[in-house]
């Protein structure tokens, strides 16, 4: 089953986003980065690109194996395994995460990135 791609629209929650950026400096380590990627891949998810617009707005492009439902994807992004999303603040969530599934068939059937997962 082919992968699905998502754009995740992260908008900062009032009074919490500054903690995210503070933790990015102190809490985030190379080992936590490895753990985040391991958590992602174990869930059948891969992050292709994170794009910071400002301290209140971030867009990321993720890929999910075709076996991962939209609900499971959203649950992961909002949950404790998404270390890069909550930056150690879980269960206090710094972002409201709106997930939009990309429909490549509307743009010539080309995915936004070369698929990470080979099915």
PDB file of N, CA and C in Angstrom:
ATOM      1  N   UNK A   1       0.847  -1.183   0.000  1.00  0.00           N
ATOM      2  CA  UNK A   1       0.000   0.000   0.000  1.00  0.00           C
ATOM      3  C   UNK A   1       0.889   1.241   0.000  1.00  0.00           C
ATOM      4  N   UNK A   2       0.596   2.174  -0.857  1.00  0.00           N
ATOM      5  CA  UNK A   2       1.404   3.386  -1.006  1.00  0.00           C
ATOM      6  C   UNK A   2       1.318   4.279   0.230  1.00  0.00           C
ATOM      7  N   UNK A   3       2.381   5.037   0.429  1.00  0.00           N
ATOM      8  CA  UNK A   3       2.421   5.994   1.543  1.00  0.00           C
ATOM      9  C   UNK A   3       1.464   7.147   1.295  1.00  0.00           C
ATOM     10  N   UNK A   4       1.080   7.802   2.393  1.00  0.00           N
ATOM     11  CA  UNK A   4       0.324   9.048   2.349  1.00  0.00           C
ATOM     12  C   UNK A   4       1.224  10.158   2.869  1.00  0.00           C
ATOM     13  N   UNK A   5       1.045  11.343   2.318  1.00  0.00           N
ATOM     14  CA  UNK A   5       1.804  12.506   2.765  1.00  0.00           C
ATOM     15  C   UNK A   5       0.847  13.497   3.415  1.00  0.00           C
ATOM     16  N   UNK A   6       1.360  14.183   4.436  1.00  0.00           N
ATOM     17  CA  UNK A   6       0.573  15.159   5.181  1.00  0.00           C
ATOM     18  C   UNK A   6       1.364  16.450   5.337  1.00  0.00           C
ATOM     19  N   UNK A   7       0.653  17.556   5.272  1.00  0.00           N
ATOM     20  CA  UNK A   7       1.194  18.822   5.750  1.00  0.00           C
ATOM     21  C   UNK A   7       0.574  19.028   7.122  1.00  0.00           C
ATOM     22  N   UNK A   8       1.424  19.225   8.125  1.00  0.00           N
ATOM     23  CA  UNK A   8       0.925  19.495   9.472  1.00  0.00           C
ATOM     24  C   UNK A   8       1.138  20.976   9.739  1.00  0.00           C
ATOM     25  N   UNK A   9       0.054  21.627  10.058  1.00  0.00           N
ATOM     26  CA  UNK A   9       0.013  23.058  10.356  1.00  0.00           C
ATOM     27  C   UNK A   9       0.045  23.181  11.879  1.00  0.00           C
ATOM     28  N   UNK A  10       1.186  23.571  12.412  1.00  0.00           N
ATOM     29  CA  UNK A  10       1.361  23.733  13.857  1.00  0.00           C
ATOM     30  C   UNK A  10       1.170  25.210  14.197  1.00  0.00           C
ATOM     31  N   UNK A  11       0.187  25.507  15.015  1.00  0.00           N
ATOM     32  CA  UNK A  11       0.010  26.881  15.494  1.00  0.00           C
ATOM     33  C   UNK A  11       0.240  26.897  17.002  1.00  0.00           C
ATOM     34  N   UNK A  12       0.976  27.877  17.452  1.00  0.00           N
ATOM     35  CA  UNK A  12       1.362  27.959  18.857  1.00  0.00           C
ATOM     36  C   UNK A  12       0.161  28.176  19.755  1.00  0.00           C
ATOM     37  N   UNK A  13       0.191  27.499  20.898  1.00  0.00           N
ATOM     38  CA  UNK A  13      -0.823  27.725  21.922  1.00  0.00           C
ATOM     39  C   UNK A  13      -0.349  28.885  22.789  1.00  0.00           C
ATOM     40  N   UNK A  14      -1.267  29.717  23.166  1.00  0.00           N
ATOM     41  CA  UNK A  14      -0.925  30.906  23.952  1.00  0.00           C
ATOM     42  C   UNK A  14      -0.173  30.533  25.227  1.00  0.00           C
ATOM     43  N   UNK A  15       0.904  31.229  25.469  1.00  0.00           N
ATOM     44  CA  UNK A  15       1.655  31.066  26.699  1.00  0.00           C
ATOM     45  C   UNK A  15       2.551  29.847  26.777  1.00  0.00           C
ATOM     46  N   UNK A  16       2.626  29.046  25.705  1.00  0.00           N
ATOM     47  CA  UNK A  16       3.420  27.824  25.775  1.00  0.00           C
ATOM     48  C   UNK A  16       4.530  27.785  24.738  1.00  0.00           C
ATOM     49  N   UNK A  17       4.357  28.441  23.599  1.00  0.00           N
ATOM     50  CA  UNK A  17       5.341  28.302  22.522  1.00  0.00           C
ATOM     51  C   UNK A  17       6.741  28.749  22.939  1.00  0.00           C
ATOM     52  N   UNK A  18       6.839  29.769  23.790  1.00  0.00           N
ATOM     53  CA  UNK A  18       8.173  30.216  24.217  1.00  0.00           C
ATOM     54  C   UNK A  18       8.916  29.099  24.946  1.00  0.00           C
ATOM     55  N   UNK A  19       8.182  28.255  25.685  1.00  0.00           N
ATOM     56  CA  UNK A  19       8.803  27.129  26.381  1.00  0.00           C
ATOM     57  C   UNK A  19       9.389  26.138  25.381  1.00  0.00           C
ATOM     58  N   UNK A  20       8.706  25.964  24.255  1.00  0.00           N
ATOM     59  CA  UNK A  20       9.188  25.070  23.200  1.00  0.00           C
ATOM     60  C   UNK A  20      10.572  25.516  22.734  1.00  0.00           C
ATOM     61  N   UNK A  21      10.706  26.792  22.434  1.00  0.00           N
ATOM     62  CA  UNK A  21      11.971  27.295  21.917  1.00  0.00           C
ATOM     63  C   UNK A  21      13.058  27.314  22.991  1.00  0.00           C
ATOM     64  N   UNK A  22      12.673  27.530  24.247  1.00  0.00           N
ATOM     65  CA  UNK A  22      13.633  27.423  25.343  1.00  0.00           C
ATOM     66  C   UNK A  22      14.132  25.986  25.456  1.00  0.00           C
ATOM     67  N   UNK A  23      13.216  25.016  25.360  1.00  0.00           N
ATOM     68  CA  UNK A  23      13.595  23.609  25.447  1.00  0.00           C
ATOM     69  C   UNK A  23      14.406  23.163  24.239  1.00  0.00           C
ATOM     70  N   UNK A  24      14.186  23.778  23.101  1.00  0.00           N
ATOM     71  CA  UNK A  24      14.956  23.429  21.916  1.00  0.00           C
ATOM     72  C   UNK A  24      16.447  23.640  22.195  1.00  0.00           C
ATOM     73  N   UNK A  25      16.756  24.651  22.980  1.00  0.00           N
ATOM     74  CA  UNK A  25      18.145  24.951  23.320  1.00  0.00           C
ATOM     75  C   UNK A  25      18.704  24.004  24.385  1.00  0.00           C
ATOM     76  N   UNK A  26      17.879  23.620  25.374  1.00  0.00           N
ATOM     77  CA  UNK A  26      18.398  22.876  26.521  1.00  0.00           C
ATOM     78  C   UNK A  26      17.984  21.403  26.571  1.00  0.00           C
ATOM     79  N   UNK A  27      16.766  21.076  26.210  1.00  0.00           N
ATOM     80  CA  UNK A  27      16.246  19.714  26.372  1.00  0.00           C
ATOM     81  C   UNK A  27      16.592  18.833  25.183  1.00  0.00           C
ATOM     82  N   UNK A  28      16.562  19.399  23.981  1.00  0.00           N
ATOM     83  CA  UNK A  28      16.770  18.640  22.749  1.00  0.00           C
ATOM     84  C   UNK A  28      18.247  18.276  22.605  1.00  0.00           C
ATOM     85  N   UNK A  29      18.517  16.985  22.480  1.00  0.00           N
ATOM     86  CA  UNK A  29      19.883  16.494  22.295  1.00  0.00           C
ATOM     87  C   UNK A  29      19.926  15.602  21.064  1.00  0.00           C
ATOM     88  N   UNK A  30      21.102  15.225  20.674  1.00  0.00           N
ATOM     89  CA  UNK A  30      21.245  14.304  19.544  1.00  0.00           C
ATOM     90  C   UNK A  30      20.540  12.982  19.848  1.00  0.00           C
ATOM     91  N   UNK A  31      20.658  12.501  21.089  1.00  0.00           N
ATOM     92  CA  UNK A  31      19.988  11.248  21.464  1.00  0.00           C
ATOM     93  C   UNK A  31      18.468  11.376  21.395  1.00  0.00           C
ATOM     94  N   UNK A  32      17.932  12.528  21.807  1.00  0.00           N
ATOM     95  CA  UNK A  32      16.481  12.724  21.720  1.00  0.00           C
ATOM     96  C   UNK A  32      16.043  12.826  20.262  1.00  0.00           C
ATOM     97  N   UNK A  33      16.876  13.403  19.421  1.00  0.00           N
ATOM     98  CA  UNK A  33      16.584  13.446  17.995  1.00  0.00           C
ATOM     99  C   UNK A  33      16.517  12.044  17.408  1.00  0.00           C
ATOM    100  N   UNK A  34      17.464  11.196  17.800  1.00  0.00           N
ATOM    101  CA  UNK A  34      17.458   9.798  17.349  1.00  0.00           C
ATOM    102  C   UNK A  34      16.211   9.082  17.862  1.00  0.00           C
ATOM    103  N   UNK A  35      15.847   9.330  19.134  1.00  0.00           N
ATOM    104  CA  UNK A  35      14.657   8.701  19.710  1.00  0.00           C
ATOM    105  C   UNK A  35      13.396   9.152  18.983  1.00  0.00           C
ATOM    106  N   UNK A  36      13.319  10.445  18.648  1.00  0.00           N
ATOM    107  CA  UNK A  36      12.168  10.973  17.908  1.00  0.00           C
ATOM    108  C   UNK A  36      12.033  10.248  16.577  1.00  0.00           C
ATOM    109  N   UNK A  37      13.141  10.132  15.835  1.00  0.00           N
ATOM    110  CA  UNK A  37      13.083   9.450  14.542  1.00  0.00           C
ATOM    111  C   UNK A  37      12.736   7.978  14.700  1.00  0.00           C
ATOM    112  N   UNK A  38      13.252   7.336  15.743  1.00  0.00           N
ATOM    113  CA  UNK A  38      12.910   5.940  16.006  1.00  0.00           C
ATOM    114  C   UNK A  38      11.417   5.803  16.317  1.00  0.00           C
ATOM    115  N   UNK A  39      10.894   6.709  17.156  1.00  0.00           N
ATOM    116  CA  UNK A  39       9.457   6.696  17.474  1.00  0.00           C
ATOM    117  C   UNK A  39       8.630   6.866  16.206  1.00  0.00           C
ATOM    118  N   UNK A  40       9.043   7.832  15.367  1.00  0.00           N
ATOM    119  CA  UNK A  40       8.338   8.057  14.105  1.00  0.00           C
ATOM    120  C   UNK A  40       8.318   6.795  13.258  1.00  0.00           C
ATOM    121  N   UNK A  41       9.480   6.227  13.024  1.00  0.00           N
ATOM    122  CA  UNK A  41       9.583   5.078  12.122  1.00  0.00           C
ATOM    123  C   UNK A  41       8.867   3.856  12.679  1.00  0.00           C
ATOM    124  N   UNK A  42       8.906   3.661  14.008  1.00  0.00           N
ATOM    125  CA  UNK A  42       8.157   2.558  14.616  1.00  0.00           C
ATOM    126  C   UNK A  42       6.648   2.726  14.431  1.00  0.00           C
ATOM    127  N   UNK A  43       6.201   3.974  14.336  1.00  0.00           N
ATOM    128  CA  UNK A  43       4.779   4.266  14.116  1.00  0.00           C
ATOM    129  C   UNK A  43       4.426   4.269  12.627  1.00  0.00           C
ATOM    130  N   UNK A  44       5.429   4.051  11.757  1.00  0.00           N
ATOM    131  CA  UNK A  44       5.184   4.071  10.318  1.00  0.00           C
ATOM    132  C   UNK A  44       5.117   5.471   9.749  1.00  0.00           C
ATOM    133  N   UNK A  45       5.850   6.403  10.377  1.00  0.00           N
ATOM    134  CA  UNK A  45       5.812   7.820   9.994  1.00  0.00           C
ATOM    135  C   UNK A  45       7.239   8.312   9.780  1.00  0.00           C
ATOM    136  N   UNK A  46       7.407   9.221   8.845  1.00  0.00           N
ATOM    137  CA  UNK A  46       8.707   9.838   8.577  1.00  0.00           C
ATOM    138  C   UNK A  46       8.490  11.329   8.349  1.00  0.00           C
ATOM    139  N   UNK A  47       9.365  12.149   8.940  1.00  0.00           N
ATOM    140  CA  UNK A  47       9.288  13.590   8.691  1.00  0.00           C
ATOM    141  C   UNK A  47      10.264  13.929   7.562  1.00  0.00           C
ATOM    142  N   UNK A  48       9.767  14.635   6.563  1.00  0.00           N
ATOM    143  CA  UNK A  48      10.611  15.045   5.449  1.00  0.00           C
ATOM    144  C   UNK A  48      11.145  16.463   5.635  1.00  0.00           C
ATOM    145  N   UNK A  49      10.312  17.349   6.169  1.00  0.00           N
ATOM    146  CA  UNK A  49      10.739  18.756   6.230  1.00  0.00           C
ATOM    147  C   UNK A  49       9.956  19.496   7.305  1.00  0.00           C
ATOM    148  N   UNK A  50      10.668  20.291   8.099  1.00  0.00           N
ATOM    149  CA  UNK A  50      10.048  21.203   9.044  1.00  0.00           C
ATOM    150  C   UNK A  50      10.370  22.627   8.614  1.00  0.00           C
ATOM    151  N   UNK A  51       9.346  23.469   8.565  1.00  0.00           N
ATOM    152  CA  UNK A  51       9.533  24.839   8.066  1.00  0.00           C
ATOM    153  C   UNK A  51       8.973  25.826   9.084  1.00  0.00           C
ATOM    154  N   UNK A  52       9.861  26.520   9.768  1.00  0.00           N
ATOM    155  CA  UNK A  52       9.463  27.491  10.780  1.00  0.00           C
ATOM    156  C   UNK A  52       9.209  28.829  10.105  1.00  0.00           C
ATOM    157  N   UNK A  53       7.975  29.310  10.189  1.00  0.00           N
ATOM    158  CA  UNK A  53       7.606  30.598   9.614  1.00  0.00           C
ATOM    159  C   UNK A  53       7.941  31.702  10.614  1.00  0.00           C
ATOM    160  N   UNK A  54       7.539  31.484  11.847  1.00  0.00           N
ATOM    161  CA  UNK A  54       7.881  32.365  12.958  1.00  0.00           C
ATOM    162  C   UNK A  54       7.682  31.564  14.235  1.00  0.00           C
ATOM    163  N   UNK A  55       7.757  32.191  15.394  1.00  0.00           N
ATOM    164  CA  UNK A  55       7.639  31.443  16.652  1.00  0.00           C
ATOM    165  C   UNK A  55       6.227  30.941  16.922  1.00  0.00           C
ATOM    166  N   UNK A  56       5.282  31.340  16.108  1.00  0.00           N
ATOM    167  CA  UNK A  56       3.896  30.916  16.318  1.00  0.00           C
ATOM    168  C   UNK A  56       3.344  30.043  15.200  1.00  0.00           C
ATOM    169  N   UNK A  57       4.146  29.772  14.181  1.00  0.00           N
ATOM    170  CA  UNK A  57       3.631  29.065  13.014  1.00  0.00           C
ATOM    171  C   UNK A  57       4.714  28.193  12.383  1.00  0.00           C
ATOM    172  N   UNK A  58       4.405  26.903  12.277  1.00  0.00           N
ATOM    173  CA  UNK A  58       5.326  25.942  11.682  1.00  0.00           C
ATOM    174  C   UNK A  58       4.523  25.022  10.766  1.00  0.00           C
ATOM    175  N   UNK A  59       5.103  24.690   9.621  1.00  0.00           N
ATOM    176  CA  UNK A  59       4.533  23.692   8.727  1.00  0.00           C
ATOM    177  C   UNK A  59       5.546  22.560   8.587  1.00  0.00           C
ATOM    178  N   UNK A  60       5.084  21.320   8.628  1.00  0.00           N
ATOM    179  CA  UNK A  60       5.955  20.166   8.445  1.00  0.00           C
ATOM    180  C   UNK A  60       5.315  19.226   7.438  1.00  0.00           C
ATOM    181  N   UNK A  61       6.160  18.560   6.668  1.00  0.00           N
ATOM    182  CA  UNK A  61       5.660  17.553   5.738  1.00  0.00           C
ATOM    183  C   UNK A  61       6.112  16.193   6.244  1.00  0.00           C
ATOM    184  N   UNK A  62       5.130  15.340   6.457  1.00  0.00           N
ATOM    185  CA  UNK A  62       5.345  13.987   6.944  1.00  0.00           C
ATOM    186  C   UNK A  62       4.854  12.986   5.907  1.00  0.00           C
ATOM    187  N   UNK A  63       5.388  11.789   6.028  1.00  0.00           N
ATOM    188  CA  UNK A  63       4.927  10.649   5.236  1.00  0.00           C
ATOM    189  C   UNK A  63       4.478   9.577   6.212  1.00  0.00           C
ATOM    190  N   UNK A  64       3.398   8.894   5.896  1.00  0.00           N
ATOM    191  CA  UNK A  64       2.923   7.779   6.710  1.00  0.00           C
ATOM    192  C   UNK A  64       2.696   6.570   5.805  1.00  0.00           C
ATOM    193  N   UNK A  65       3.091   5.418   6.292  1.00  0.00           N
ATOM    194  CA  UNK A  65       2.810   4.191   5.543  1.00  0.00           C
ATOM    195  C   UNK A  65       1.321   4.136   5.254  1.00  0.00           C
ATOM    196  N   UNK A  66       0.965   3.508   4.167  1.00  0.00           N
ATOM    197  CA  UNK A  66      -0.438   3.399   3.801  1.00  0.00           C
ATOM    198  C   UNK A  66      -1.296   2.675   4.821  1.00  0.00           C
ATOM    199  N   UNK A  67      -0.660   1.922   5.722  1.00  0.00           N
ATOM    200  CA  UNK A  67      -1.405   1.197   6.760  1.00  0.00           C
ATOM    201  C   UNK A  67      -1.745   2.077   7.959  1.00  0.00           C
ATOM    202  N   UNK A  68      -1.190   3.287   8.011  1.00  0.00           N
ATOM    203  CA  UNK A  68      -1.460   4.219   9.116  1.00  0.00           C
ATOM    204  C   UNK A  68      -2.698   5.042   8.744  1.00  0.00           C
ATOM    205  N   UNK A  69      -3.721   4.974   9.582  1.00  0.00           N
ATOM    206  CA  UNK A  69      -4.943   5.732   9.302  1.00  0.00           C
ATOM    207  C   UNK A  69      -4.734   7.213   9.616  1.00  0.00           C
ATOM    208  N   UNK A  70      -5.629   8.036   9.093  1.00  0.00           N
ATOM    209  CA  UNK A  70      -5.573   9.470   9.390  1.00  0.00           C
ATOM    210  C   UNK A  70      -5.662   9.706  10.898  1.00  0.00           C
ATOM    211  N   UNK A  71      -6.534   8.965  11.564  1.00  0.00           N
ATOM    212  CA  UNK A  71      -6.714   9.119  13.015  1.00  0.00           C
ATOM    213  C   UNK A  71      -5.450   8.709  13.769  1.00  0.00           C
ATOM    214  N   UNK A  72      -4.811   7.620  13.342  1.00  0.00           N
ATOM    215  CA  UNK A  72      -3.575   7.183  13.995  1.00  0.00           C
ATOM    216  C   UNK A  72      -2.459   8.206  13.795  1.00  0.00           C
ATOM    217  N   UNK A  73      -2.410   8.789  12.614  1.00  0.00           N
ATOM    218  CA  UNK A  73      -1.404   9.814  12.346  1.00  0.00           C
ATOM    219  C   UNK A  73      -1.617  11.012  13.278  1.00  0.00           C
ATOM    220  N   UNK A  74      -2.850  11.498  13.345  1.00  0.00           N
ATOM    221  CA  UNK A  74      -3.156  12.644  14.212  1.00  0.00           C
ATOM    222  C   UNK A  74      -2.844  12.315  15.665  1.00  0.00           C
ATOM    223  N   UNK A  75      -3.201  11.113  16.098  1.00  0.00           N
ATOM    224  CA  UNK A  75      -2.950  10.697  17.479  1.00  0.00           C
ATOM    225  C   UNK A  75      -1.445  10.700  17.783  1.00  0.00           C
ATOM    226  N   UNK A  76      -0.647  10.221  16.833  1.00  0.00           N
ATOM    227  CA  UNK A  76       0.798  10.223  17.048  1.00  0.00           C
ATOM    228  C   UNK A  76       1.325  11.657  17.170  1.00  0.00           C
ATOM    229  N   UNK A  77       0.937  12.514  16.243  1.00  0.00           N
ATOM    230  CA  UNK A  77       1.430  13.896  16.235  1.00  0.00           C
ATOM    231  C   UNK A  77       1.064  14.613  17.538  1.00  0.00           C
ATOM    232  N   UNK A  78      -0.085  14.311  18.092  1.00  0.00           N
ATOM    233  CA  UNK A  78      -0.538  14.940  19.334  1.00  0.00           C
ATOM    234  C   UNK A  78      -0.025  14.237  20.588  1.00  0.00           C
ATOM    235  N   UNK A  79       0.600  13.068  20.430  1.00  0.00           N
ATOM    236  CA  UNK A  79       0.930  12.235  21.582  1.00  0.00           C
ATOM    237  C   UNK A  79       2.354  12.355  22.097  1.00  0.00           C
ATOM    238  N   UNK A  80       2.669  11.529  23.107  1.00  0.00           N
ATOM    239  CA  UNK A  80       3.967  11.620  23.786  1.00  0.00           C
ATOM    240  C   UNK A  80       5.161  11.182  22.937  1.00  0.00           C
ATOM    241  N   UNK A  81       4.952  10.364  21.900  1.00  0.00           N
ATOM    242  CA  UNK A  81       6.060   9.888  21.081  1.00  0.00           C
ATOM    243  C   UNK A  81       6.627  10.921  20.138  1.00  0.00           C
ATOM    244  N   UNK A  82       5.887  11.972  19.893  1.00  0.00           N
ATOM    245  CA  UNK A  82       6.325  13.012  18.949  1.00  0.00           C
ATOM    246  C   UNK A  82       7.203  14.039  19.669  1.00  0.00           C
ATOM    247  N   UNK A  83       8.390  13.593  20.055  1.00  0.00           N
ATOM    248  CA  UNK A  83       9.293  14.423  20.864  1.00  0.00           C
ATOM    249  C   UNK A  83       9.606  15.762  20.215  1.00  0.00           C
ATOM    250  N   UNK A  84       9.793  15.768  18.904  1.00  0.00           N
ATOM    251  CA  UNK A  84      10.116  17.008  18.205  1.00  0.00           C
ATOM    252  C   UNK A  84       8.951  17.966  18.123  1.00  0.00           C
ATOM    253  N   UNK A  85       7.724  17.449  18.314  1.00  0.00           N
ATOM    254  CA  UNK A  85       6.531  18.298  18.278  1.00  0.00           C
ATOM    255  C   UNK A  85       6.314  18.961  19.631  1.00  0.00           C
ATOM    256  N   UNK A  86       6.522  18.208  20.718  1.00  0.00           N
ATOM    257  CA  UNK A  86       6.248  18.804  22.039  1.00  0.00           C
ATOM    258  C   UNK A  86       7.508  19.205  22.793  1.00  0.00           C
ATOM    259  N   UNK A  87       8.678  18.808  22.323  1.00  0.00           N
ATOM    260  CA  UNK A  87       9.965  19.233  22.877  1.00  0.00           C
ATOM    261  C   UNK A  87      10.031  19.054  24.400  1.00  0.00           C
ATOM    262  N   UNK A  88       9.552  17.890  24.871  1.00  0.00           N
ATOM    263  CA  UNK A  88       9.649  17.560  26.291  1.00  0.00           C
ATOM    264  C   UNK A  88       8.594  18.198  27.167  1.00  0.00           C
ATOM    265  N   UNK A  89       7.631  18.866  26.577  1.00  0.00           N
ATOM    266  CA  UNK A  89       6.602  19.549  27.361  1.00  0.00           C
ATOM    267  C   UNK A  89       5.335  18.709  27.549  1.00  0.00           C
ATOM    268  N   UNK A  90       5.255  17.532  26.905  1.00  0.00           N
ATOM    269  CA  UNK A  90       4.052  16.705  26.999  1.00  0.00           C
ATOM    270  C   UNK A  90       3.785  16.370  28.452  1.00  0.00           C
ATOM    271  N   UNK A  91       2.570  16.434  28.964  1.00  0.00           N
ATOM    272  CA  UNK A  91       1.297  16.601  28.260  1.00  0.00           C
ATOM    273  C   UNK A  91       0.893  18.050  27.990  1.00  0.00           C
ATOM    274  N   UNK A  92       1.709  19.005  28.421  1.00  0.00           N
ATOM    275  CA  UNK A  92       1.434  20.401  28.063  1.00  0.00           C
ATOM    276  C   UNK A  92       1.859  20.577  26.609  1.00  0.00           C
ATOM    277  N   UNK A  93       0.901  20.786  25.750  1.00  0.00           N
ATOM    278  CA  UNK A  93       1.180  20.813  24.314  1.00  0.00           C
ATOM    279  C   UNK A  93       1.420  22.240  23.832  1.00  0.00           C
ATOM    280  N   UNK A  94       2.600  22.493  23.237  1.00  0.00           N
ATOM    281  CA  UNK A  94       2.893  23.841  22.765  1.00  0.00           C
ATOM    282  C   UNK A  94       2.190  24.197  21.457  1.00  0.00           C
ATOM    283  N   UNK A  95       1.676  23.186  20.733  1.00  0.00           N
ATOM    284  CA  UNK A  95       1.109  23.433  19.407  1.00  0.00           C
ATOM    285  C   UNK A  95      -0.275  22.819  19.269  1.00  0.00           C
ATOM    286  N   UNK A  96      -1.114  23.502  18.530  1.00  0.00           N
ATOM    287  CA  UNK A  96      -2.329  22.899  17.986  1.00  0.00           C
ATOM    288  C   UNK A  96      -1.910  22.351  16.627  1.00  0.00           C
ATOM    289  N   UNK A  97      -2.157  21.080  16.401  1.00  0.00           N
ATOM    290  CA  UNK A  97      -1.668  20.395  15.211  1.00  0.00           C
ATOM    291  C   UNK A  97      -2.822  20.032  14.286  1.00  0.00           C
ATOM    292  N   UNK A  98      -2.885  20.682  13.145  1.00  0.00           N
ATOM    293  CA  UNK A  98      -3.916  20.392  12.154  1.00  0.00           C
ATOM    294  C   UNK A  98      -3.259  19.641  11.004  1.00  0.00           C
ATOM    295  N   UNK A  99      -3.709  18.425  10.774  1.00  0.00           N
ATOM    296  CA  UNK A  99      -3.099  17.563   9.765  1.00  0.00           C
ATOM    297  C   UNK A  99      -3.939  17.571   8.497  1.00  0.00           C
ATOM    298  N   UNK A 100      -3.279  17.842   7.385  1.00  0.00           N
ATOM    299  CA  UNK A 100      -3.935  17.875   6.073  1.00  0.00           C
ATOM    300  C   UNK A 100      -3.302  16.813   5.191  1.00  0.00           C
ATOM    301  N   UNK A 101      -4.094  15.844   4.756  1.00  0.00           N
ATOM    302  CA  UNK A 101      -3.570  14.823   3.849  1.00  0.00           C
ATOM    303  C   UNK A 101      -3.415  15.443   2.467  1.00  0.00           C
ATOM    304  N   UNK A 102      -2.265  15.210   1.850  1.00  0.00           N
ATOM    305  CA  UNK A 102      -1.985  15.720   0.513  1.00  0.00           C
ATOM    306  C   UNK A 102      -2.588  14.756  -0.508  1.00  0.00           C
ATOM    307  N   UNK A 103      -3.247  15.295  -1.511  1.00  0.00           N
ATOM    308  CA  UNK A 103      -3.845  14.484  -2.573  1.00  0.00           C
ATOM    309  C   UNK A 103      -3.011  14.659  -3.844  1.00  0.00           C
ATOM    310  N   UNK A 104      -2.011  13.780  -4.043  1.00  0.00           N
ATOM    311  CA  UNK A 104      -1.130  13.951  -5.201  1.00  0.00           C
ATOM    312  C   UNK A 104      -1.847  13.798  -6.541  1.00  0.00           C
ATOM    313  N   UNK A 105      -2.989  13.132  -6.558  1.00  0.00           N
ATOM    314  CA  UNK A 105      -3.689  12.935  -7.836  1.00  0.00           C
ATOM    315  C   UNK A 105      -4.175  14.265  -8.422  1.00  0.00           C
ATOM    316  N   UNK A 106      -4.284  15.289  -7.584  1.00  0.00           N
ATOM    317  CA  UNK A 106      -4.713  16.595  -8.083  1.00  0.00           C
ATOM    318  C   UNK A 106      -3.565  17.383  -8.712  1.00  0.00           C
ATOM    319  N   UNK A 107      -2.351  16.907  -8.527  1.00  0.00           N
ATOM    320  CA  UNK A 107      -1.196  17.622  -9.062  1.00  0.00           C
ATOM    321  C   UNK A 107      -0.307  16.749  -9.923  1.00  0.00           C
ATOM    322  N   UNK A 108      -0.908  15.873 -10.694  1.00  0.00           N
ATOM    323  CA  UNK A 108      -0.132  15.028 -11.592  1.00  0.00           C
ATOM    324  C   UNK A 108       0.342  13.730 -10.977  1.00  0.00           C
ATOM    325  N   UNK A 109      -0.171  13.376  -9.799  1.00  0.00           N
ATOM    326  CA  UNK A 109       0.138  12.121  -9.099  1.00  0.00           C
ATOM    327  C   UNK A 109       1.569  12.030  -8.582  1.00  0.00           C
ATOM    328  N   UNK A 110       2.263  13.144  -8.486  1.00  0.00           N
ATOM    329  CA  UNK A 110       3.620  13.129  -7.947  1.00  0.00           C
ATOM    330  C   UNK A 110       3.596  13.475  -6.463  1.00  0.00           C
ATOM    331  N   UNK A 111       4.171  12.603  -5.609  1.00  0.00           N
ATOM    332  CA  UNK A 111       4.244  12.941  -4.186  1.00  0.00           C
ATOM    333  C   UNK A 111       5.197  14.118  -3.978  1.00  0.00           C
ATOM    334  N   UNK A 112       5.065  14.839  -2.874  1.00  0.00           N
ATOM    335  CA  UNK A 112       5.911  16.013  -2.637  1.00  0.00           C
ATOM    336  C   UNK A 112       7.385  15.660  -2.407  1.00  0.00           C
ATOM    337  N   UNK A 113       7.658  14.442  -1.969  1.00  0.00           N
ATOM    338  CA  UNK A 113       9.018  13.959  -1.755  1.00  0.00           C
ATOM    339  C   UNK A 113       9.101  12.520  -2.248  1.00  0.00           C
ATOM    340  N   UNK A 114      10.296  12.091  -2.536  1.00  0.00           N
ATOM    341  CA  UNK A 114      10.513  10.670  -2.847  1.00  0.00           C
ATOM    342  C   UNK A 114      10.099   9.883  -1.609  1.00  0.00           C
ATOM    343  N   UNK A 115       9.260   8.861  -1.745  1.00  0.00           N
ATOM    344  CA  UNK A 115       8.814   8.117  -0.557  1.00  0.00           C
ATOM    345  C   UNK A 115       9.982   7.512   0.221  1.00  0.00           C
ATOM    346  N   UNK A 116       9.906   7.629   1.523  1.00  0.00           N
ATOM    347  CA  UNK A 116      10.901   7.050   2.426  1.00  0.00           C
ATOM    348  C   UNK A 116      10.661   5.549   2.587  1.00  0.00           C
ATOM    349  N   UNK A 117       9.391   5.192   2.717  1.00  0.00           N
ATOM    350  CA  UNK A 117       9.028   3.800   2.934  1.00  0.00           C
ATOM    351  C   UNK A 117       8.864   3.079   1.613  1.00  0.00           C
ATOM    352  N   UNK A 118       9.443   1.899   1.539  1.00  0.00           N
ATOM    353  CA  UNK A 118       9.269   1.049   0.366  1.00  0.00           C
ATOM    354  C   UNK A 118       8.333  -0.073   0.753  1.00  0.00           C
ATOM    355  N   UNK A 119       7.201  -0.136   0.126  1.00  0.00           N
ATOM    356  CA  UNK A 119       6.233  -1.197   0.459  1.00  0.00           C
ATOM    357  C   UNK A 119       6.335  -2.350  -0.494  1.00  0.00           C
TER     358      UNK A 119
END
